[in-house]
C-alpha atoms as a PDB file:
ATOM      1  CA  MET A   1     139.986 -77.038 -73.355  1.00  0.00           C
ATOM      2  CA  THR A   2     136.264 -77.806 -73.784  1.00  0.00           C
ATOM      3  CA  MET A   3     134.067 -76.099 -76.378  1.00  0.00           C
ATOM      4  CA  ARG A   4     132.086 -74.441 -73.607  1.00  0.00           C
ATOM      5  CA  ARG A   5     135.246 -73.025 -72.069  1.00  0.00           C
ATOM      6  CA  ARG A   6     136.481 -71.744 -75.445  1.00  0.00           C
ATOM      7  CA  LEU A   7     133.144 -70.040 -76.052  1.00  0.00           C
ATOM      8  CA  ALA A   8     133.152 -68.524 -72.581  1.00  0.00           C
ATOM      9  CA  ILE A   9     136.610 -67.049 -73.160  1.00  0.00           C
ATOM     10  CA  LEU A  10     135.670 -65.722 -76.605  1.00  0.00           C
ATOM     11  CA  LEU A  11     132.398 -64.205 -75.477  1.00  0.00           C
ATOM     12  CA  GLY A  12     133.770 -62.945 -72.200  1.00  0.00           C
ATOM     13  CA  ALA A  13     136.477 -61.059 -74.047  1.00  0.00           C
ATOM     14  CA  CYS A  14     133.830 -59.189 -76.035  1.00  0.00           C
ATOM     15  CA  THR A  15     130.937 -57.154 -74.779  1.00  0.00           C
ATOM     16  CA  LEU A  16     128.677 -59.145 -77.101  1.00  0.00           C
ATOM     17  CA  VAL A  17     128.700 -62.250 -79.256  1.00  0.00           C
ATOM     18  CA  ALA A  18     128.743 -59.921 -82.245  1.00  0.00           C
ATOM     19  CA  CYS A  19     132.514 -59.557 -82.105  1.00  0.00           C
ATOM     20  CA  ALA A  20     132.877 -62.849 -83.981  1.00  0.00           C
ATOM     21  CA  THR A  21     131.048 -61.547 -87.044  1.00  0.00           C
ATOM     22  CA  ARG A  22     131.349 -57.760 -87.061  1.00  0.00           C
ATOM     23  CA  SER A  23     134.484 -57.722 -89.194  1.00  0.00           C
ATOM     24  CA  THR A  24     132.568 -58.987 -92.226  1.00  0.00           C
ATOM     25  CA  SER A  25     129.179 -57.459 -91.348  1.00  0.00           C
ATOM     26  CA  PRO A  26     127.611 -54.656 -93.420  1.00  0.00           C
ATOM     27  CA  ALA A  27     127.474 -52.798 -90.108  1.00  0.00           C
ATOM     28  CA  THR A  28     131.143 -51.898 -90.536  1.00  0.00           C
ATOM     29  CA  SER A  29     130.170 -49.325 -93.181  1.00  0.00           C
ATOM     30  CA  LEU A  30     127.497 -47.680 -91.054  1.00  0.00           C
ATOM     31  CA  PRO A  31     127.847 -44.341 -89.252  1.00  0.00           C
ATOM     32  CA  PRO A  32     128.058 -44.464 -85.438  1.00  0.00           C
ATOM     33  CA  GLY A  33     124.794 -45.430 -83.789  1.00  0.00           C
ATOM     34  CA  ALA A  34     123.145 -46.755 -86.942  1.00  0.00           C
ATOM     35  CA  GLU A  35     122.011 -50.374 -87.180  1.00  0.00           C
ATOM     36  CA  ALA A  36     121.196 -50.361 -90.895  1.00  0.00           C
ATOM     37  CA  ARG A  37     120.718 -48.353 -94.039  1.00  0.00           C
ATOM     38  CA  SER A  38     117.255 -47.986 -95.418  1.00  0.00           C
ATOM     39  CA  LEU A  39     116.435 -49.347 -98.860  1.00  0.00           C
ATOM     40  CA  LEU A  40     116.679 -45.695 -99.911  1.00  0.00           C
ATOM     41  CA  GLY A  41     120.191 -45.320 -98.490  1.00  0.00           C
ATOM     42  CA  ALA A  42     119.531 -43.421 -95.250  1.00  0.00           C
ATOM     43  CA  PRO A  43     121.172 -44.565 -91.987  1.00  0.00           C
ATOM     44  CA  LEU A  44     118.699 -46.013 -89.498  1.00  0.00           C
ATOM     45  CA  VAL A  45     119.307 -45.337 -85.815  1.00  0.00           C
ATOM     46  CA  PRO A  46     117.199 -47.103 -83.151  1.00  0.00           C
ATOM     47  CA  VAL A  47     114.595 -44.910 -81.482  1.00  0.00           C
ATOM     48  CA  PRO A  48     115.095 -44.947 -77.691  1.00  0.00           C
ATOM     49  CA  PRO A  49     112.093 -46.301 -75.798  1.00  0.00           C
ATOM     50  CA  SER A  50     110.521 -44.457 -72.898  1.00  0.00           C
ATOM     51  CA  ALA A  51     112.455 -44.443 -69.652  1.00  0.00           C
ATOM     52  CA  ALA A  52     110.123 -47.035 -68.159  1.00  0.00           C
ATOM     53  CA  ALA A  53     110.375 -49.298 -71.189  1.00  0.00           C
ATOM     54  CA  GLN A  54     114.156 -48.895 -71.296  1.00  0.00           C
ATOM     55  CA  ALA A  55     114.441 -49.974 -67.680  1.00  0.00           C
ATOM     56  CA  ARG A  56     112.162 -52.974 -68.179  1.00  0.00           C
ATOM     57  CA  LEU A  57     113.831 -54.139 -71.392  1.00  0.00           C
ATOM     58  CA  SER A  58     117.321 -53.648 -69.975  1.00  0.00           C
ATOM     59  CA  ALA A  59     116.450 -55.704 -66.902  1.00  0.00           C
ATOM     60  CA  GLN A  60     115.034 -58.464 -69.117  1.00  0.00           C
ATOM     61  CA  LEU A  61     118.185 -58.443 -71.227  1.00  0.00           C
ATOM     62  CA  ALA A  62     120.397 -58.637 -68.132  1.00  0.00           C
ATOM     63  CA  ASP A  63     118.410 -61.627 -66.887  1.00  0.00           C
ATOM     64  CA  ALA A  64     118.641 -63.314 -70.290  1.00  0.00           C
ATOM     65  CA  GLU A  65     122.378 -62.736 -70.494  1.00  0.00           C
ATOM     66  CA  ARG A  66     122.934 -64.163 -67.036  1.00  0.00           C
ATOM     67  CA  GLU A  67     120.886 -67.226 -67.895  1.00  0.00           C
ATOM     68  CA  TRP A  68     122.804 -67.741 -71.125  1.00  0.00           C
ATOM     69  CA  ARG A  69     126.208 -67.333 -69.476  1.00  0.00           C
ATOM     70  CA  ARG A  70     125.339 -70.127 -67.046  1.00  0.00           C
ATOM     71  CA  ASP A  71     125.437 -72.451 -70.057  1.00  0.00           C
ATOM     72  CA  THR A  72     126.605 -70.831 -73.283  1.00  0.00           C
ATOM     73  CA  THR A  73     125.562 -73.862 -75.339  1.00  0.00           C
ATOM     74  CA  ASN A  74     121.940 -73.867 -74.133  1.00  0.00           C
ATOM     75  CA  ALA A  75     119.697 -73.226 -77.153  1.00  0.00           C
ATOM     76  CA  ASP A  76     116.744 -71.772 -75.247  1.00  0.00           C
ATOM     77  CA  ALA A  77     118.948 -69.355 -73.323  1.00  0.00           C
ATOM     78  CA  LEU A  78     120.701 -68.178 -76.487  1.00  0.00           C
ATOM     79  CA  ILE A  79     117.382 -67.668 -78.283  1.00  0.00           C
ATOM     80  CA  TRP A  80     116.139 -65.419 -75.511  1.00  0.00           C
ATOM     81  CA  TYR A  81     119.417 -63.545 -75.287  1.00  0.00           C
ATOM     82  CA  GLY A  82     119.184 -62.750 -78.999  1.00  0.00           C
ATOM     83  CA  ARG A  83     115.535 -61.780 -78.786  1.00  0.00           C
ATOM     84  CA  ARG A  84     116.134 -59.467 -75.834  1.00  0.00           C
ATOM     85  CA  LEU A  85     119.013 -57.790 -77.660  1.00  0.00           C
ATOM     86  CA  ALA A  86     116.717 -57.079 -80.588  1.00  0.00           C
ATOM     87  CA  TYR A  87     113.977 -55.606 -78.379  1.00  0.00           C
ATOM     88  CA  LEU A  88     116.486 -52.941 -77.367  1.00  0.00           C
ATOM     89  CA  GLY A  89     117.316 -52.130 -80.990  1.00  0.00           C
ATOM     90  CA  ARG A  90     120.616 -54.018 -80.980  1.00  0.00           C
ATOM     91  CA  TYR A  91     119.771 -55.873 -84.165  1.00  0.00           C
ATOM     92  CA  ARG A  92     123.331 -56.584 -85.322  1.00  0.00           C
ATOM     93  CA  ASP A  93     124.178 -58.107 -81.968  1.00  0.00           C
ATOM     94  CA  ALA A  94     121.004 -60.193 -82.118  1.00  0.00           C
ATOM     95  CA  ILE A  95     121.982 -61.458 -85.575  1.00  0.00           C
ATOM     96  CA  ALA A  96     125.390 -62.449 -84.205  1.00  0.00           C
ATOM     97  CA  ALA A  97     123.772 -64.305 -81.304  1.00  0.00           C
ATOM     98  CA  PHE A  98     121.500 -66.236 -83.656  1.00  0.00           C
ATOM     99  CA  THR A  99     124.451 -66.942 -85.953  1.00  0.00           C
ATOM    100  CA  LEU A 100     126.274 -68.500 -83.025  1.00  0.00           C
ATOM    101  CA  GLY A 101     123.154 -70.532 -82.295  1.00  0.00           C
ATOM    102  CA  MET A 102     123.071 -71.824 -85.855  1.00  0.00           C
ATOM    103  CA  ARG A 103     126.667 -72.996 -85.497  1.00  0.00           C
ATOM    104  CA  LEU A 104     125.994 -74.737 -82.204  1.00  0.00           C
ATOM    105  CA  HIS A 105     122.532 -76.094 -83.063  1.00  0.00           C
ATOM    106  CA  PRO A 106     122.351 -76.513 -86.850  1.00  0.00           C
ATOM    107  CA  ARG A 107     119.094 -78.527 -86.673  1.00  0.00           C
ATOM    108  CA  ASP A 108     117.206 -75.975 -84.554  1.00  0.00           C
ATOM    109  CA  ALA A 109     114.901 -74.021 -86.884  1.00  0.00           C
ATOM    110  CA  ARG A 110     114.374 -71.274 -84.338  1.00  0.00           C
ATOM    111  CA  PHE A 111     117.784 -69.746 -85.003  1.00  0.00           C
ATOM    112  CA  PRO A 112     117.387 -69.124 -88.756  1.00  0.00           C
ATOM    113  CA  ARG A 113     113.768 -68.071 -88.104  1.00  0.00           C
ATOM    114  CA  HIS A 114     114.850 -65.347 -85.658  1.00  0.00           C
ATOM    115  CA  ARG A 115     117.969 -64.379 -87.580  1.00  0.00           C
ATOM    116  CA  GLY A 116     115.883 -64.004 -90.723  1.00  0.00           C
ATOM    117  CA  HIS A 117     113.530 -61.669 -88.866  1.00  0.00           C
ATOM    118  CA  ARG A 118     116.407 -59.418 -87.888  1.00  0.00           C
ATOM    119  CA  HIS A 119     117.914 -59.564 -91.355  1.00  0.00           C
ATOM    120  CA  LEU A 120     114.594 -58.076 -92.450  1.00  0.00           C
ATOM    121  CA  THR A 121     114.876 -55.357 -89.830  1.00  0.00           C
ATOM    122  CA  VAL A 122     118.318 -54.311 -91.087  1.00  0.00           C
ATOM    123  CA  ARG A 123     117.197 -54.449 -94.743  1.00  0.00           C
ATOM    124  CA  GLU A 124     119.154 -57.553 -95.779  1.00  0.00           C
ATOM    125  CA  LEU A 125     116.291 -59.102 -97.714  1.00  0.00           C
ATOM    126  CA  ASP A 126     118.187 -61.799 -99.597  1.00  0.00           C
ATOM    127  CA  ALA A 127     119.805 -63.030 -96.384  1.00  0.00           C
ATOM    128  CA  ALA A 128     116.402 -63.079 -94.701  1.00  0.00           C
ATOM    129  CA  VAL A 129     114.924 -65.205 -97.486  1.00  0.00           C
ATOM    130  CA  ARG A 130     117.798 -67.686 -97.210  1.00  0.00           C
ATOM    131  CA  ASP A 131     117.282 -67.993 -93.462  1.00  0.00           C
ATOM    132  CA  PHE A 132     113.525 -68.503 -93.683  1.00  0.00           C
ATOM    133  CA  GLU A 133     113.908 -71.085 -96.436  1.00  0.00           C
ATOM    134  CA  ALA A 134     116.478 -72.927 -94.310  1.00  0.00           C
ATOM    135  CA  ALA A 135     114.118 -72.811 -91.328  1.00  0.00           C
ATOM    136  CA  ALA A 136     111.241 -74.111 -93.470  1.00  0.00           C
ATOM    137  CA  ALA A 137     113.359 -77.052 -94.577  1.00  0.00           C
ATOM    138  CA  LEU A 138     114.231 -77.873 -90.964  1.00  0.00           C
ATOM    139  CA  VAL A 139     110.592 -78.014 -89.814  1.00  0.00           C
ATOM    140  CA  ARG A 140     109.292 -79.944 -92.811  1.00  0.00           C
ATOM    141  CA  GLY A 141     107.323 -82.948 -91.569  1.00  0.00           C
ATOM    142  CA  ARG A 142     107.615 -81.935 -87.925  1.00  0.00           C
ATOM    143  CA  PRO A 143     104.771 -80.936 -85.597  1.00  0.00           C
ATOM    144  CA  ASP A 144     104.352 -77.221 -85.035  1.00  0.00           C
ATOM    145  CA  GLU A 145     105.011 -75.564 -81.679  1.00  0.00           C
ATOM    146  CA  VAL A 146     103.746 -72.436 -79.974  1.00  0.00           C
ATOM    147  CA  GLU A 147     106.264 -69.600 -79.991  1.00  0.00           C
ATOM    148  CA  PRO A 148     106.260 -67.751 -76.666  1.00  0.00           C
ATOM    149  CA  ASP A 149     105.899 -63.982 -76.826  1.00  0.00           C
ATOM    150  CA  GLY A 150     108.782 -61.821 -75.744  1.00  0.00           C
ATOM    151  CA  GLN A 151     106.397 -59.000 -74.866  1.00  0.00           C
ATOM    152  CA  PRO A 152     103.095 -60.756 -74.035  1.00  0.00           C
ATOM    153  CA  ASN A 153      99.769 -59.301 -75.146  1.00  0.00           C
ATOM    154  CA  ALA A 154      97.124 -58.134 -72.682  1.00  0.00           C
ATOM    155  CA  ALA A 155      95.548 -61.588 -72.552  1.00  0.00           C
ATOM    156  CA  ASN A 156      98.937 -63.265 -72.075  1.00  0.00           C
ATOM    157  CA  ILE A 157      98.014 -65.724 -74.829  1.00  0.00           C
ATOM    158  CA  PRO A 158     100.617 -66.406 -77.549  1.00  0.00           C
ATOM    159  CA  THR A 159      99.016 -66.118 -80.985  1.00  0.00           C
ATOM    160  CA  SER A 160     101.771 -67.483 -83.213  1.00  0.00           C
ATOM    161  CA  THR A 161     103.768 -70.636 -83.758  1.00  0.00           C
ATOM    162  CA  LEU A 162     107.220 -71.402 -85.043  1.00  0.00           C
ATOM    163  CA  GLN A 163     106.016 -72.565 -88.450  1.00  0.00           C
ATOM    164  CA  PHE A 164     103.575 -69.670 -88.767  1.00  0.00           C
ATOM    165  CA  ASN A 165     106.393 -67.208 -88.145  1.00  0.00           C
ATOM    166  CA  ILE A 166     108.694 -68.883 -90.635  1.00  0.00           C
ATOM    167  CA  TRP A 167     106.152 -68.744 -93.471  1.00  0.00           C
ATOM    168  CA  TYR A 168     104.720 -65.355 -92.495  1.00  0.00           C
ATOM    169  CA  HIS A 169     108.114 -63.691 -92.508  1.00  0.00           C
ATOM    170  CA  LEU A 170     109.238 -65.476 -95.688  1.00  0.00           C
ATOM    171  CA  ALA A 171     106.087 -64.252 -97.422  1.00  0.00           C
ATOM    172  CA  LEU A 172     106.748 -60.740 -96.144  1.00  0.00           C
ATOM    173  CA  ALA A 173     110.329 -60.842 -97.428  1.00  0.00           C
ATOM    174  CA  ARG A 174     109.076 -61.867-100.871  1.00  0.00           C
ATOM    175  CA  HIS A 175     106.461 -59.103-100.720  1.00  0.00           C
ATOM    176  CA  LEU A 176     109.186 -56.575 -99.940  1.00  0.00           C
ATOM    177  CA  GLN A 177     111.149 -57.826-102.946  1.00  0.00           C
ATOM    178  CA  GLY A 178     108.085 -57.369-105.145  1.00  0.00           C
ATOM    179  CA  ASP A 179     108.112 -61.107-105.879  1.00  0.00           C
ATOM    180  CA  TRP A 180     104.347 -61.491-105.714  1.00  0.00           C
ATOM    181  CA  ARG A 181     104.183 -65.064-107.025  1.00  0.00           C
ATOM    182  CA  ARG A 182     106.573 -66.484-104.451  1.00  0.00           C
ATOM    183  CA  ALA A 183     105.037 -64.335-101.728  1.00  0.00           C
ATOM    184  CA  LEU A 184     101.609 -65.806-102.485  1.00  0.00           C
ATOM    185  CA  ALA A 185     103.012 -69.348-102.365  1.00  0.00           C
ATOM    186  CA  ALA A 186     104.477 -68.601 -98.926  1.00  0.00           C
ATOM    187  CA  TYR A 187     101.167 -67.111 -97.767  1.00  0.00           C
ATOM    188  CA  ASP A 188      99.423 -70.303 -98.879  1.00  0.00           C
ATOM    189  CA  ALA A 189     101.827 -72.289 -96.693  1.00  0.00           C
ATOM    190  CA  CYS A 190     101.341 -69.811 -93.868  1.00  0.00           C
ATOM    191  CA  MET A 191      97.564 -70.154 -94.027  1.00  0.00           C
ATOM    192  CA  ARG A 192      97.904 -73.903 -93.552  1.00  0.00           C
ATOM    193  CA  VAL A 193      99.521 -73.301 -90.154  1.00  0.00           C
ATOM    194  CA  SER A 194      97.322 -70.335 -89.170  1.00  0.00           C
ATOM    195  CA  THR A 195      95.171 -71.879 -86.457  1.00  0.00           C
ATOM    196  CA  ASN A 196      93.666 -68.950 -84.531  1.00  0.00           C
ATOM    197  CA  PRO A 197      91.844 -65.725 -85.472  1.00  0.00           C
ATOM    198  CA  ASP A 198      94.888 -63.480 -85.074  1.00  0.00           C
ATOM    199  CA  ALA A 199      97.012 -65.639 -87.356  1.00  0.00           C
ATOM    200  CA  ILE A 200      94.248 -66.096 -89.919  1.00  0.00           C
ATOM    201  CA  VAL A 201      93.401 -62.409 -90.244  1.00  0.00           C
ATOM    202  CA  ALA A 202      97.083 -61.395 -90.477  1.00  0.00           C
ATOM    203  CA  THR A 203      97.879 -63.979 -93.146  1.00  0.00           C
ATOM    204  CA  ALA A 204      94.704 -63.417 -95.138  1.00  0.00           C
ATOM    205  CA  TYR A 205      95.074 -59.627 -95.096  1.00  0.00           C
ATOM    206  CA  TRP A 206      98.616 -59.684 -96.481  1.00  0.00           C
ATOM    207  CA  GLN A 207      97.662 -62.437 -98.922  1.00  0.00           C
ATOM    208  CA  HIS A 208      94.730 -60.376-100.217  1.00  0.00           C
ATOM    209  CA  MET A 209      96.810 -57.246-100.639  1.00  0.00           C
ATOM    210  CA  THR A 210      99.656 -59.150-102.337  1.00  0.00           C
ATOM    211  CA  ALA A 211      97.220 -60.908-104.679  1.00  0.00           C
ATOM    212  CA  ARG A 212      95.681 -57.554-105.639  1.00  0.00           C
ATOM    213  CA  LEU A 213      99.146 -56.224-106.471  1.00  0.00           C
ATOM    214  CA  ALA A 214      99.811 -59.379-108.507  1.00  0.00           C
ATOM    215  CA  GLY A 215      96.527 -59.071-110.389  1.00  0.00           C
ATOM    216  CA  ASP A 216      95.326 -62.414-109.023  1.00  0.00           C
ATOM    217  CA  SER A 217      91.654 -61.654-108.406  1.00  0.00           C
ATOM    218  CA  ALA A 218      90.652 -65.206-107.443  1.00  0.00           C
ATOM    219  CA  THR A 219      93.251 -65.488-104.685  1.00  0.00           C
ATOM    220  CA  ALA A 220      92.466 -61.958-103.537  1.00  0.00           C
ATOM    221  CA  ALA A 221      88.765 -62.753-103.204  1.00  0.00           C
ATOM    222  CA  ARG A 222      89.422 -66.010-101.369  1.00  0.00           C
ATOM    223  CA  ALA A 223      91.777 -64.340 -98.906  1.00  0.00           C
ATOM    224  CA  LEU A 224      89.410 -61.438 -98.250  1.00  0.00           C
ATOM    225  CA  ALA A 225      86.567 -63.867 -97.592  1.00  0.00           C
ATOM    226  CA  ALA A 226      88.714 -65.771 -95.079  1.00  0.00           C
ATOM    227  CA  ALA A 227      89.722 -62.566 -93.299  1.00  0.00           C
ATOM    228  CA  SER A 228      86.161 -61.223 -93.290  1.00  0.00           C
ATOM    229  CA  ARG A 229      84.965 -64.231 -91.307  1.00  0.00           C
ATOM    230  CA  ILE A 230      87.095 -63.038 -88.357  1.00  0.00           C
ATOM    231  CA  ASP A 231      85.345 -60.561 -86.079  1.00  0.00           C
ATOM    232  CA  ARG A 232      87.447 -60.679 -82.913  1.00  0.00           C
ATOM    233  CA  VAL A 233      91.193 -60.915 -82.277  1.00  0.00           C
ATOM    234  CA  ILE A 234      93.534 -60.534 -79.346  1.00  0.00           C
ATOM    235  CA  GLU A 235      96.161 -58.258 -80.876  1.00  0.00           C
ATOM    236  CA  ASN A 236      95.706 -57.833 -84.649  1.00  0.00           C
ATOM    237  CA  ASP A 237      93.033 -55.144 -84.549  1.00  0.00           C
ATOM    238  CA  ALA A 238      94.838 -53.117 -87.217  1.00  0.00           C
ATOM    239  CA  TYR A 239      94.437 -55.953 -89.687  1.00  0.00           C
ATOM    240  CA  LEU A 240      90.719 -56.247 -88.900  1.00  0.00           C
ATOM    241  CA  ARG A 241      90.293 -52.556 -89.661  1.00  0.00           C
ATOM    242  CA  LEU A 242      92.219 -52.894 -92.918  1.00  0.00           C
ATOM    243  CA  VAL A 243      90.115 -55.888 -93.927  1.00  0.00           C
ATOM    244  CA  ALA A 244      87.042 -53.704 -93.423  1.00  0.00           C
ATOM    245  CA  LEU A 245      88.612 -51.114 -95.729  1.00  0.00           C
ATOM    246  CA  TYR A 246      89.394 -53.601 -98.493  1.00  0.00           C
ATOM    247  CA  ALA A 247      85.913 -55.099 -98.126  1.00  0.00           C
ATOM    248  CA  GLY A 248      84.377 -51.659 -98.644  1.00  0.00           C
ATOM    249  CA  ARG A 249      82.866 -51.318 -95.174  1.00  0.00           C
ATOM    250  CA  VAL A 250      84.881 -48.246 -94.112  1.00  0.00           C
ATOM    251  CA  THR A 251      86.641 -45.390 -95.887  1.00  0.00           C
ATOM    252  CA  PRO A 252      90.411 -44.832 -95.841  1.00  0.00           C
ATOM    253  CA  GLU A 253      89.985 -41.525 -94.036  1.00  0.00           C
ATOM    254  CA  THR A 254      88.455 -43.326 -91.030  1.00  0.00           C
ATOM    255  CA  LEU A 255      91.704 -45.270 -90.609  1.00  0.00           C
ATOM    256  CA  VAL A 256      94.231 -42.546 -91.422  1.00  0.00           C
ATOM    257  CA  PRO A 257      92.772 -39.033 -91.206  1.00  0.00           C
ATOM    258  CA  SER A 258      94.352 -36.872 -93.883  1.00  0.00           C
ATOM    259  CA  ARG A 259      94.905 -33.983 -91.470  1.00  0.00           C
ATOM    260  CA  ALA A 260      96.451 -35.986 -88.642  1.00  0.00           C
ATOM    261  CA  GLU A 261      99.767 -34.462 -87.619  1.00  0.00           C
ATOM    262  CA  SER A 262     101.474 -37.804 -87.060  1.00  0.00           C
ATOM    263  CA  LEU A 263     100.980 -41.460 -87.944  1.00  0.00           C
ATOM    264  CA  ASP A 264     100.647 -43.762 -84.960  1.00  0.00           C
ATOM    265  CA  ASP A 265     100.617 -47.007 -86.944  1.00  0.00           C
ATOM    266  CA  ALA A 266     102.852 -47.469 -89.976  1.00  0.00           C
ATOM    267  CA  THR A 267     101.269 -50.836 -90.791  1.00  0.00           C
ATOM    268  CA  THR A 268      97.797 -49.326 -91.080  1.00  0.00           C
ATOM    269  CA  ALA A 269      99.163 -46.424 -93.100  1.00  0.00           C
ATOM    270  CA  TYR A 270     100.916 -48.765 -95.542  1.00  0.00           C
ATOM    271  CA  GLY A 271      97.706 -50.743 -96.000  1.00  0.00           C
ATOM    272  CA  VAL A 272      95.742 -47.577 -96.693  1.00  0.00           C
ATOM    273  CA  ALA A 273      98.424 -46.305 -99.102  1.00  0.00           C
ATOM    274  CA  THR A 274      98.223 -49.591-101.009  1.00  0.00           C
ATOM    275  CA  TRP A 275      94.420 -49.274-101.114  1.00  0.00           C
ATOM    276  CA  TYR A 276      94.837 -45.790-102.615  1.00  0.00           C
ATOM    277  CA  ALA A 277      97.273 -47.115-105.216  1.00  0.00           C
ATOM    278  CA  LEU A 278      94.965 -49.979-106.201  1.00  0.00           C
ATOM    279  CA  ALA A 279      92.054 -47.522-106.446  1.00  0.00           C
ATOM    280  CA  GLY A 280      94.037 -45.388-108.885  1.00  0.00           C
ATOM    281  CA  ARG A 281      94.609 -42.608-106.356  1.00  0.00           C
ATOM    282  CA  SER A 282      98.373 -42.573-106.828  1.00  0.00           C
ATOM    283  CA  ALA A 283      98.878 -39.038-105.510  1.00  0.00           C
ATOM    284  CA  ASP A 284      97.148 -39.948-102.239  1.00  0.00           C
ATOM    285  CA  ALA A 285      99.197 -43.138-102.033  1.00  0.00           C
ATOM    286  CA  ASP A 286     102.465 -41.280-102.574  1.00  0.00           C
ATOM    287  CA  ARG A 287     101.629 -38.645 -99.967  1.00  0.00           C
ATOM    288  CA  LEU A 288     100.789 -41.276 -97.378  1.00  0.00           C
ATOM    289  CA  LEU A 289     103.922 -43.305 -98.083  1.00  0.00           C
ATOM    290  CA  ALA A 290     105.974 -40.127 -97.656  1.00  0.00           C
ATOM    291  CA  ARG A 291     104.306 -39.515 -94.291  1.00  0.00           C
ATOM    292  CA  VAL A 292     105.171 -43.049 -93.184  1.00  0.00           C
ATOM    293  CA  LEU A 293     108.804 -42.598 -94.154  1.00  0.00           C
ATOM    294  CA  ALA A 294     108.972 -39.264 -92.336  1.00  0.00           C
ATOM    295  CA  GLY A 295     108.128 -41.045 -89.076  1.00  0.00           C
ATOM    296  CA  PRO A 296     110.329 -42.931 -86.633  1.00  0.00           C
ATOM    297  CA  GLN A 297     108.854 -46.454 -86.892  1.00  0.00           C
ATOM    298  CA  TRP A 298     111.515 -47.834 -89.218  1.00  0.00           C
ATOM    299  CA  ALA A 299     111.674 -51.223 -87.479  1.00  0.00           C
ATOM    300  CA  SER A 300     107.978 -51.909 -88.140  1.00  0.00           C
ATOM    301  CA  PHE A 301     106.858 -54.018 -91.082  1.00  0.00           C
ATOM    302  CA  GLY A 302     104.546 -51.291 -92.344  1.00  0.00           C
ATOM    303  CA  TYR A 303     107.405 -48.820 -92.549  1.00  0.00           C
ATOM    304  CA  LEU A 304     109.636 -51.397 -94.204  1.00  0.00           C
ATOM    305  CA  ALA A 305     106.950 -52.235 -96.762  1.00  0.00           C
ATOM    306  CA  ALA A 306     106.416 -48.539 -97.527  1.00  0.00           C
ATOM    307  CA  GLU A 307     110.156 -48.085 -97.931  1.00  0.00           C
ATOM    308  CA  ALA A 308     110.383 -51.079-100.274  1.00  0.00           C
ATOM    309  CA  ARG A 309     107.496 -49.747-102.367  1.00  0.00           C
ATOM    310  CA  VAL A 310     109.155 -46.357-102.797  1.00  0.00           C
ATOM    311  CA  ALA A 311     112.538 -47.952-103.488  1.00  0.00           C
ATOM    312  CA  ARG A 312     111.066 -50.115-106.286  1.00  0.00           C
ATOM    313  CA  THR A 313     109.596 -47.059-107.989  1.00  0.00           C
ATOM    314  CA  ARG A 314     113.025 -45.390-108.033  1.00  0.00           C
ATOM    315  CA  ARG A 315     114.913 -48.205-109.736  1.00  0.00           C
END
């Protein structure tokens, strides 16, 4: 029996590729419907998208699954199957798909890159770091490549690359761990592969904020200067606004009104909360972090960063 036939039988017998790894997955200890536990111990259940978005994402997943089942060893098809699973909040199943890809294609850096991203989503920070470091080793000395968007921006122009995403997410994982020194080293590497305004402003913003938390004023100033040279982006408008805040051109209340009933952007709110903390306004920072964590955006990086900040203070 060929490998492809064995895989087809295994995967056909299960609804998802996840069946091969669920028995040892942390998901086995989760309540029904939850994909993860927060860093504070709460179960995290995916928020259903709108009916229109659900229909679109489900159709895209069905197409991706059909394409993958035509050739279950095709790397591109498996990548997209995993990505489409994740867009529907099925993060554990996406991790299993990328795990299968790593077994079939151990030299393809895209699989640990994407698996690491979803390890972040489900709060498995150490596993995410291992995946991103493995991906970085695989791309060392190789030319970079554009990473196509799963949900294209309005201009339909991809703004990131494989190597950018590896270093950006590794730096974020280190930031979440409070490992400022290693996070800054990863942001340095990320800046070297940041080749367009969106990538530059995203990297420089996080680098500036991390350097401020680390007490590294020289790196913070250099990063803020790099970000401040960007005046137009395709999709990272939130980072441009936060750069204006850290540069002293706007006030925090213009970005997150204190009386707003809900927070539309957890990433902006986390950036403003960090600004409050660095300005010595700890009560304002704590209130804003609590508002972030009271919202539903738990899969966003801003929410995750707020959660990590609160979790570190409770240790």
